[in-house]
Structure formats: C-alpha cells, structure tokens
Amino acid sequence: MRNTIAAAVLSAILAIPMTGAAANLAPGAAAPTFELTDTDGNTHRLADYLGQGRIVVLEWFNPDCPFIVKHHQTHRTMNETFAAVAYEGVIWLAINSSAPGKQGHGLQRNRRAVEEYDISFPVLIDEDGAVGRSYGAKTTPHMFVITPDGKVAYNGAIDDDRSAGKLGETNHVAEALTSLLDGKPVKTASTKPYGCSVKYAK
C-alpha cells in the first residue's frame, strides 16, 4: 500500500458533497461495519480489513441479474478491475442481499456462480438484507469504495453505460481506486447506480 494513502490526506480528499447517488451514504460518511460469511464458509469483517490499512470495494451481487452477467461474464469488468489493484492490497467483496425465495438467493446458487463467472474474490451472503440496507444498496451491482480510515470514497455505478450489454467508456470504480492509490482527490465521488433492484425481503 502506498504511503500516500494517509488518513489525514483522505479526510481532506473526501470532503466532497454527494451528487446523484441513490443511497444515503455520502462520500466522507462512515462505512457501516459488518460481519458476513462467504460461500466457502469464511468470515469477513470490515473492521479487520480496515485495521490492516486496506482499501475495500463492495459490490452488490445477484448471479441471475443480467447486469451482473454483463460485468462478470459478457465482460470481465469486476475481475479485471480487481486484478489491476490487487497487488496494492485492495480488498474486493461481493455481497448478495437476496432474501430466501428471491432471485439469486441461496448458498448453492452462489457457489455455482463463483465457478461459472470465475470470480476471483469472495461472495458474501446477506440473506436478511441487514448489511445491504445499512449501505442503502439499491441495485445489482451497486458499488462502494471504502478508505482505510473507514470512510466512503465512492458510491454508485460501476461504469457510465446503463444498458444490460454494452460496456461503459468510464469505469468509475477504477478511477476512484487509482485516485486513492495516488493520493489524489476522487473527482467523481458518487453516481446513480443502475441494474436490477436488490431482492430484499419485504
């Protein structure tokens, strides 16, 4: 992790008003803590990663949503974006908040998805939707980038093409990560997420 990622610098960088994002977590807000289990039975705690000085990316996930298929199968957006920064110690976690009986729910379905899409990072199960609701996650995907000091640096869409097939010209998450790793301001700190609605329990 580059030394330029310092809490003091990031606090100044992230004092940016939110514009256009559908969720309630403005850039600079504290990211809600959580503990979830992935499809392999491993426990992941946000506090542990932040304690290690890691940047954390959260991706809301539903394997049967066509917009997830767009970015995991038609294109390799998520894996490629993660691969470009993994050597810097960035953590990427997909979170599935689909409730029982809803599209994309279930441990077995998500285990298959990890294999089908050759996902290179954990998929966490949040079937009661508590974590998704705490972040105000609206769509799959809905992306959040969290700084090592536990603040939201980016909230919104993965890219700038809202179709279910075409890849956007701008990868907002990649741009946010590059800026943070270089110790620079995140120019676009929030956008409106797009995709399928998160399948919460009613």
C-alpha atoms as a PDB file:
ATOM      1  CA  MET A   1       0.000   0.000   0.000  1.00  0.00           C
ATOM      2  CA  ARG A   2       1.473   3.339  -0.951  1.00  0.00           C
ATOM      3  CA  ASN A   3       2.361   5.673   1.890  1.00  0.00           C
ATOM      4  CA  THR A   4       0.340   8.403   0.243  1.00  0.00           C
ATOM      5  CA  ILE A   5      -2.848   6.728   1.483  1.00  0.00           C
ATOM      6  CA  ALA A   6      -2.887   8.540   4.795  1.00  0.00           C
ATOM      7  CA  ALA A   7      -5.902   9.215   6.938  1.00  0.00           C
ATOM      8  CA  ALA A   8      -5.243  12.946   7.092  1.00  0.00           C
ATOM      9  CA  VAL A   9      -4.972  13.232   3.343  1.00  0.00           C
ATOM     10  CA  LEU A  10      -8.056  11.137   2.766  1.00  0.00           C
ATOM     11  CA  SER A  11     -10.136  13.169   5.191  1.00  0.00           C
ATOM     12  CA  ALA A  12      -9.451  16.241   3.092  1.00  0.00           C
ATOM     13  CA  ILE A  13      -9.942  14.409  -0.174  1.00  0.00           C
ATOM     14  CA  LEU A  14     -13.328  13.038   0.832  1.00  0.00           C
ATOM     15  CA  ALA A  15     -14.909  16.297   1.970  1.00  0.00           C
ATOM     16  CA  ILE A  16     -16.979  16.271  -1.210  1.00  0.00           C
ATOM     17  CA  PRO A  17     -20.745  16.738  -1.403  1.00  0.00           C
ATOM     18  CA  MET A  18     -22.792  13.835  -2.767  1.00  0.00           C
ATOM     19  CA  THR A  19     -24.480  14.377  -6.118  1.00  0.00           C
ATOM     20  CA  GLY A  20     -26.776  11.962  -7.894  1.00  0.00           C
ATOM     21  CA  ALA A  21     -26.307   8.814  -5.821  1.00  0.00           C
ATOM     22  CA  ALA A  22     -29.389   6.844  -4.871  1.00  0.00           C
ATOM     23  CA  ALA A  23     -28.126   5.671  -1.487  1.00  0.00           C
ATOM     24  CA  ASN A  24     -27.826   7.642   1.751  1.00  0.00           C
ATOM     25  CA  LEU A  25     -24.080   7.245   2.373  1.00  0.00           C
ATOM     26  CA  ALA A  26     -22.416  10.404   1.110  1.00  0.00           C
ATOM     27  CA  PRO A  27     -18.705  10.355   0.329  1.00  0.00           C
ATOM     28  CA  GLY A  28     -16.902  11.015   3.579  1.00  0.00           C
ATOM     29  CA  ALA A  29     -19.549   9.213   5.659  1.00  0.00           C
ATOM     30  CA  ALA A  30     -18.519   6.367   7.927  1.00  0.00           C
ATOM     31  CA  ALA A  31     -18.999   2.978   6.269  1.00  0.00           C
ATOM     32  CA  PRO A  32     -21.265   0.706   8.367  1.00  0.00           C
ATOM     33  CA  THR A  33     -19.344  -2.139   9.933  1.00  0.00           C
ATOM     34  CA  PHE A  34     -20.386  -5.719   9.191  1.00  0.00           C
ATOM     35  CA  GLU A  35     -19.508  -9.370   9.573  1.00  0.00           C
ATOM     36  CA  LEU A  36     -20.636 -11.840   6.899  1.00  0.00           C
ATOM     37  CA  THR A  37     -19.777 -15.363   5.755  1.00  0.00           C
ATOM     38  CA  ASP A  38     -18.779 -16.183   2.187  1.00  0.00           C
ATOM     39  CA  THR A  39     -19.716 -19.170   0.017  1.00  0.00           C
ATOM     40  CA  ASP A  40     -16.740 -21.130   1.380  1.00  0.00           C
ATOM     41  CA  GLY A  41     -17.783 -20.572   4.990  1.00  0.00           C
ATOM     42  CA  ASN A  42     -15.106 -17.959   5.716  1.00  0.00           C
ATOM     43  CA  THR A  43     -15.997 -14.974   7.884  1.00  0.00           C
ATOM     44  CA  HIS A  44     -15.212 -11.452   6.688  1.00  0.00           C
ATOM     45  CA  ARG A  45     -15.215  -8.425   8.972  1.00  0.00           C
ATOM     46  CA  LEU A  46     -14.901  -4.953   7.531  1.00  0.00           C
ATOM     47  CA  ALA A  47     -13.137  -3.802  10.692  1.00  0.00           C
ATOM     48  CA  ASP A  48     -10.402  -6.411  10.187  1.00  0.00           C
ATOM     49  CA  TYR A  49      -9.571  -5.175   6.694  1.00  0.00           C
ATOM     50  CA  LEU A  50      -9.615  -1.545   7.741  1.00  0.00           C
ATOM     51  CA  GLY A  51      -7.389  -2.419  10.678  1.00  0.00           C
ATOM     52  CA  GLN A  52      -4.895  -3.777   8.167  1.00  0.00           C
ATOM     53  CA  GLY A  53      -4.918  -0.449   6.317  1.00  0.00           C
ATOM     54  CA  ARG A  54      -6.758  -1.827   3.291  1.00  0.00           C
ATOM     55  CA  ILE A  55      -8.987  -0.094   0.769  1.00  0.00           C
ATOM     56  CA  VAL A  56     -12.209  -2.126   0.462  1.00  0.00           C
ATOM     57  CA  VAL A  57     -14.526  -2.345  -2.556  1.00  0.00           C
ATOM     58  CA  LEU A  58     -18.071  -3.620  -2.046  1.00  0.00           C
ATOM     59  CA  GLU A  59     -20.130  -4.903  -4.978  1.00  0.00           C
ATOM     60  CA  TRP A  60     -23.797  -5.786  -4.515  1.00  0.00           C
ATOM     61  CA  PHE A  61     -24.332  -9.064  -6.317  1.00  0.00           C
ATOM     62  CA  ASN A  62     -27.116 -11.279  -7.707  1.00  0.00           C
ATOM     63  CA  PRO A  63     -25.874 -14.014 -10.061  1.00  0.00           C
ATOM     64  CA  ASP A  64     -29.119 -14.080 -12.069  1.00  0.00           C
ATOM     65  CA  CYS A  65     -29.330 -10.345 -12.716  1.00  0.00           C
ATOM     66  CA  PRO A  66     -28.487  -9.508 -16.371  1.00  0.00           C
ATOM     67  CA  PHE A  67     -26.400  -6.536 -15.249  1.00  0.00           C
ATOM     68  CA  ILE A  68     -24.265  -8.845 -13.130  1.00  0.00           C
ATOM     69  CA  VAL A  69     -23.946 -11.141 -16.134  1.00  0.00           C
ATOM     70  CA  LYS A  70     -22.853  -8.092 -18.137  1.00  0.00           C
ATOM     71  CA  HIS A  71     -19.978  -7.310 -15.790  1.00  0.00           C
ATOM     72  CA  HIS A  72     -18.979 -10.858 -14.822  1.00  0.00           C
ATOM     73  CA  GLN A  73     -19.489 -12.884 -17.986  1.00  0.00           C
ATOM     74  CA  THR A  74     -20.182 -10.790 -21.108  1.00  0.00           C
ATOM     75  CA  HIS A  75     -17.398  -8.522 -19.924  1.00  0.00           C
ATOM     76  CA  ARG A  76     -14.918  -9.209 -17.142  1.00  0.00           C
ATOM     77  CA  THR A  77     -15.282  -5.780 -15.553  1.00  0.00           C
ATOM     78  CA  MET A  78     -15.195  -6.819 -11.919  1.00  0.00           C
ATOM     79  CA  ASN A  79     -12.366  -9.356 -12.109  1.00  0.00           C
ATOM     80  CA  GLU A  80     -10.253  -7.084 -14.304  1.00  0.00           C
ATOM     81  CA  THR A  81     -10.769  -4.028 -12.133  1.00  0.00           C
ATOM     82  CA  PHE A  82      -9.832  -6.015  -9.042  1.00  0.00           C
ATOM     83  CA  ALA A  83      -6.812  -7.622 -10.726  1.00  0.00           C
ATOM     84  CA  ALA A  84      -5.426  -4.190 -11.591  1.00  0.00           C
ATOM     85  CA  VAL A  85      -5.240  -3.179  -7.910  1.00  0.00           C
ATOM     86  CA  ALA A  86      -4.977  -6.464  -6.005  1.00  0.00           C
ATOM     87  CA  TYR A  87      -1.193  -6.114  -5.753  1.00  0.00           C
ATOM     88  CA  GLU A  88      -1.773  -2.875  -3.812  1.00  0.00           C
ATOM     89  CA  GLY A  89      -3.654  -4.826  -1.135  1.00  0.00           C
ATOM     90  CA  VAL A  90      -7.134  -3.702  -2.164  1.00  0.00           C
ATOM     91  CA  ILE A  91      -9.920  -5.973  -0.874  1.00  0.00           C
ATOM     92  CA  TRP A  92     -12.957  -6.676  -3.102  1.00  0.00           C
ATOM     93  CA  LEU A  93     -16.082  -8.243  -1.610  1.00  0.00           C
ATOM     94  CA  ALA A  94     -19.292  -9.119  -3.459  1.00  0.00           C
ATOM     95  CA  ILE A  95     -22.390  -9.122  -1.239  1.00  0.00           C
ATOM     96  CA  ASN A  96     -25.648 -10.891  -2.072  1.00  0.00           C
ATOM     97  CA  SER A  97     -28.617  -9.485  -0.136  1.00  0.00           C
ATOM     98  CA  SER A  98     -31.268 -11.555  -1.932  1.00  0.00           C
ATOM     99  CA  ALA A  99     -33.840 -12.906   0.521  1.00  0.00           C
ATOM    100  CA  PRO A 100     -34.996 -16.542   0.654  1.00  0.00           C
ATOM    101  CA  GLY A 101     -37.251 -17.282  -2.316  1.00  0.00           C
ATOM    102  CA  LYS A 102     -35.952 -14.294  -4.274  1.00  0.00           C
ATOM    103  CA  GLN A 103     -33.899 -14.244  -7.467  1.00  0.00           C
ATOM    104  CA  GLY A 104     -30.249 -15.146  -6.943  1.00  0.00           C
ATOM    105  CA  HIS A 105     -30.676 -16.338  -3.355  1.00  0.00           C
ATOM    106  CA  GLY A 106     -29.016 -19.335  -1.823  1.00  0.00           C
ATOM    107  CA  LEU A 107     -25.637 -20.691  -0.874  1.00  0.00           C
ATOM    108  CA  GLN A 108     -25.555 -23.342  -3.602  1.00  0.00           C
ATOM    109  CA  ARG A 109     -26.603 -20.919  -6.348  1.00  0.00           C
ATOM    110  CA  ASN A 110     -23.885 -18.502  -5.336  1.00  0.00           C
ATOM    111  CA  ARG A 111     -21.270 -21.233  -5.063  1.00  0.00           C
ATOM    112  CA  ARG A 112     -22.080 -22.180  -8.655  1.00  0.00           C
ATOM    113  CA  ALA A 113     -21.883 -18.531  -9.677  1.00  0.00           C
ATOM    114  CA  VAL A 114     -18.360 -18.226  -8.289  1.00  0.00           C
ATOM    115  CA  GLU A 115     -17.355 -21.083 -10.594  1.00  0.00           C
ATOM    116  CA  GLU A 116     -19.481 -20.040 -13.585  1.00  0.00           C
ATOM    117  CA  TYR A 117     -18.135 -16.490 -13.568  1.00  0.00           C
ATOM    118  CA  ASP A 118     -14.642 -17.457 -12.350  1.00  0.00           C
ATOM    119  CA  ILE A 119     -14.927 -14.855  -9.612  1.00  0.00           C
ATOM    120  CA  SER A 120     -11.567 -14.059  -8.064  1.00  0.00           C
ATOM    121  CA  PHE A 121     -12.853 -12.587  -4.785  1.00  0.00           C
ATOM    122  CA  PRO A 122     -15.307 -13.702  -2.062  1.00  0.00           C
ATOM    123  CA  VAL A 123     -19.091 -13.632  -2.430  1.00  0.00           C
ATOM    124  CA  LEU A 124     -20.704 -12.899   0.943  1.00  0.00           C
ATOM    125  CA  ILE A 125     -24.240 -13.910   1.906  1.00  0.00           C
ATOM    126  CA  ASP A 126     -26.531 -11.282   3.491  1.00  0.00           C
ATOM    127  CA  GLU A 127     -29.899 -13.004   3.180  1.00  0.00           C
ATOM    128  CA  ASP A 128     -31.625 -10.923   5.860  1.00  0.00           C
ATOM    129  CA  GLY A 129     -30.521  -7.809   3.967  1.00  0.00           C
ATOM    130  CA  ALA A 130     -29.233  -6.047   7.071  1.00  0.00           C
ATOM    131  CA  VAL A 131     -25.913  -5.071   5.528  1.00  0.00           C
ATOM    132  CA  GLY A 132     -27.444  -4.079   2.216  1.00  0.00           C
ATOM    133  CA  ARG A 133     -29.981  -1.844   3.937  1.00  0.00           C
ATOM    134  CA  SER A 134     -27.315  -0.268   6.138  1.00  0.00           C
ATOM    135  CA  TYR A 135     -25.486   0.823   2.983  1.00  0.00           C
ATOM    136  CA  GLY A 136     -28.651   1.773   1.140  1.00  0.00           C
ATOM    137  CA  ALA A 137     -27.694  -0.651  -1.642  1.00  0.00           C
ATOM    138  CA  LYS A 138     -30.308  -0.277  -4.374  1.00  0.00           C
ATOM    139  CA  THR A 139     -29.137  -2.279  -7.378  1.00  0.00           C
ATOM    140  CA  THR A 140     -27.010  -5.180  -8.519  1.00  0.00           C
ATOM    141  CA  PRO A 141     -24.408  -4.046  -8.971  1.00  0.00           C
ATOM    142  CA  HIS A 142     -24.159  -1.103  -6.576  1.00  0.00           C
ATOM    143  CA  MET A 143     -20.568  -0.195  -5.783  1.00  0.00           C
ATOM    144  CA  PHE A 144     -18.893   1.316  -2.735  1.00  0.00           C
ATOM    145  CA  VAL A 145     -15.215   2.132  -2.249  1.00  0.00           C
ATOM    146  CA  ILE A 146     -14.120   2.471   1.384  1.00  0.00           C
ATOM    147  CA  THR A 147     -10.870   4.058   2.545  1.00  0.00           C
ATOM    148  CA  PRO A 148      -8.587   2.545   5.200  1.00  0.00           C
ATOM    149  CA  ASP A 149      -9.963   5.031   7.739  1.00  0.00           C
ATOM    150  CA  GLY A 150     -13.467   3.646   7.180  1.00  0.00           C
ATOM    151  CA  LYS A 151     -14.947   6.413   5.038  1.00  0.00           C
ATOM    152  CA  VAL A 152     -16.966   6.076   1.835  1.00  0.00           C
ATOM    153  CA  ALA A 153     -14.856   7.347  -1.054  1.00  0.00           C
ATOM    154  CA  TYR A 154     -17.198   6.342  -3.872  1.00  0.00           C
ATOM    155  CA  ASN A 155     -20.860   5.302  -4.048  1.00  0.00           C
ATOM    156  CA  GLY A 156     -22.670   4.421  -7.281  1.00  0.00           C
ATOM    157  CA  ALA A 157     -22.438   2.622 -10.607  1.00  0.00           C
ATOM    158  CA  ILE A 158     -19.517   0.584 -11.874  1.00  0.00           C
ATOM    159  CA  ASP A 159     -19.446   2.463 -15.187  1.00  0.00           C
ATOM    160  CA  ASP A 160     -21.272   5.002 -17.329  1.00  0.00           C
ATOM    161  CA  ASP A 161     -23.326   2.750 -19.626  1.00  0.00           C
ATOM    162  CA  ARG A 162     -26.658   1.786 -18.101  1.00  0.00           C
ATOM    163  CA  SER A 163     -27.523  -0.854 -20.719  1.00  0.00           C
ATOM    164  CA  ALA A 164     -27.508  -4.571 -19.917  1.00  0.00           C
ATOM    165  CA  GLY A 165     -24.914  -5.367 -22.555  1.00  0.00           C
ATOM    166  CA  LYS A 166     -22.615  -2.548 -23.604  1.00  0.00           C
ATOM    167  CA  LEU A 167     -19.554  -1.680 -21.552  1.00  0.00           C
ATOM    168  CA  GLY A 168     -19.192   1.937 -20.486  1.00  0.00           C
ATOM    169  CA  GLU A 169     -16.348   4.197 -21.511  1.00  0.00           C
ATOM    170  CA  THR A 170     -15.604   5.229 -17.911  1.00  0.00           C
ATOM    171  CA  ASN A 171     -15.086   2.764 -15.079  1.00  0.00           C
ATOM    172  CA  HIS A 172     -15.924   4.881 -12.042  1.00  0.00           C
ATOM    173  CA  VAL A 173     -14.570   2.388  -9.514  1.00  0.00           C
ATOM    174  CA  ALA A 174     -11.254   2.046 -11.339  1.00  0.00           C
ATOM    175  CA  GLU A 175     -10.907   5.820 -11.443  1.00  0.00           C
ATOM    176  CA  ALA A 176     -11.682   6.150  -7.730  1.00  0.00           C
ATOM    177  CA  LEU A 177      -9.159   3.458  -6.823  1.00  0.00           C
ATOM    178  CA  THR A 178      -6.440   4.991  -8.981  1.00  0.00           C
ATOM    179  CA  SER A 179      -7.007   8.368  -7.361  1.00  0.00           C
ATOM    180  CA  LEU A 180      -6.877   6.960  -3.834  1.00  0.00           C
ATOM    181  CA  LEU A 181      -3.755   4.922  -4.504  1.00  0.00           C
ATOM    182  CA  ASP A 182      -2.079   8.025  -5.935  1.00  0.00           C
ATOM    183  CA  GLY A 183      -3.177  10.210  -3.039  1.00  0.00           C
ATOM    184  CA  LYS A 184      -5.335  12.388  -5.286  1.00  0.00           C
ATOM    185  CA  PRO A 185      -8.932  13.610  -4.969  1.00  0.00           C
ATOM    186  CA  VAL A 186     -11.691  11.325  -6.199  1.00  0.00           C
ATOM    187  CA  LYS A 187     -13.138  13.515  -8.941  1.00  0.00           C
ATOM    188  CA  THR A 188     -16.400  11.580  -9.317  1.00  0.00           C
ATOM    189  CA  ALA A 189     -17.279  10.505  -5.792  1.00  0.00           C
ATOM    190  CA  SER A 190     -20.884   9.489  -6.483  1.00  0.00           C
ATOM    191  CA  THR A 191     -23.060   8.446  -9.410  1.00  0.00           C
ATOM    192  CA  LYS A 192     -26.503   6.910  -9.757  1.00  0.00           C
ATOM    193  CA  PRO A 193     -26.251   3.109  -9.585  1.00  0.00           C
ATOM    194  CA  TYR A 194     -28.010   1.012 -12.211  1.00  0.00           C
ATOM    195  CA  GLY A 195     -29.054  -2.630 -12.557  1.00  0.00           C
ATOM    196  CA  CYS A 196     -31.639  -4.967 -11.066  1.00  0.00           C
ATOM    197  CA  SER A 197     -33.217  -3.997  -7.768  1.00  0.00           C
ATOM    198  CA  VAL A 198     -31.697  -5.695  -4.730  1.00  0.00           C
ATOM    199  CA  LYS A 199     -34.114  -8.522  -3.829  1.00  0.00           C
ATOM    200  CA  TYR A 200     -34.683  -7.719  -0.177  1.00  0.00           C
ATOM    201  CA  ALA A 201     -37.244  -9.441   1.995  1.00  0.00           C
ATOM    202  CA  LYS A 202     -40.392  -7.324   2.316  1.00  0.00           C
END
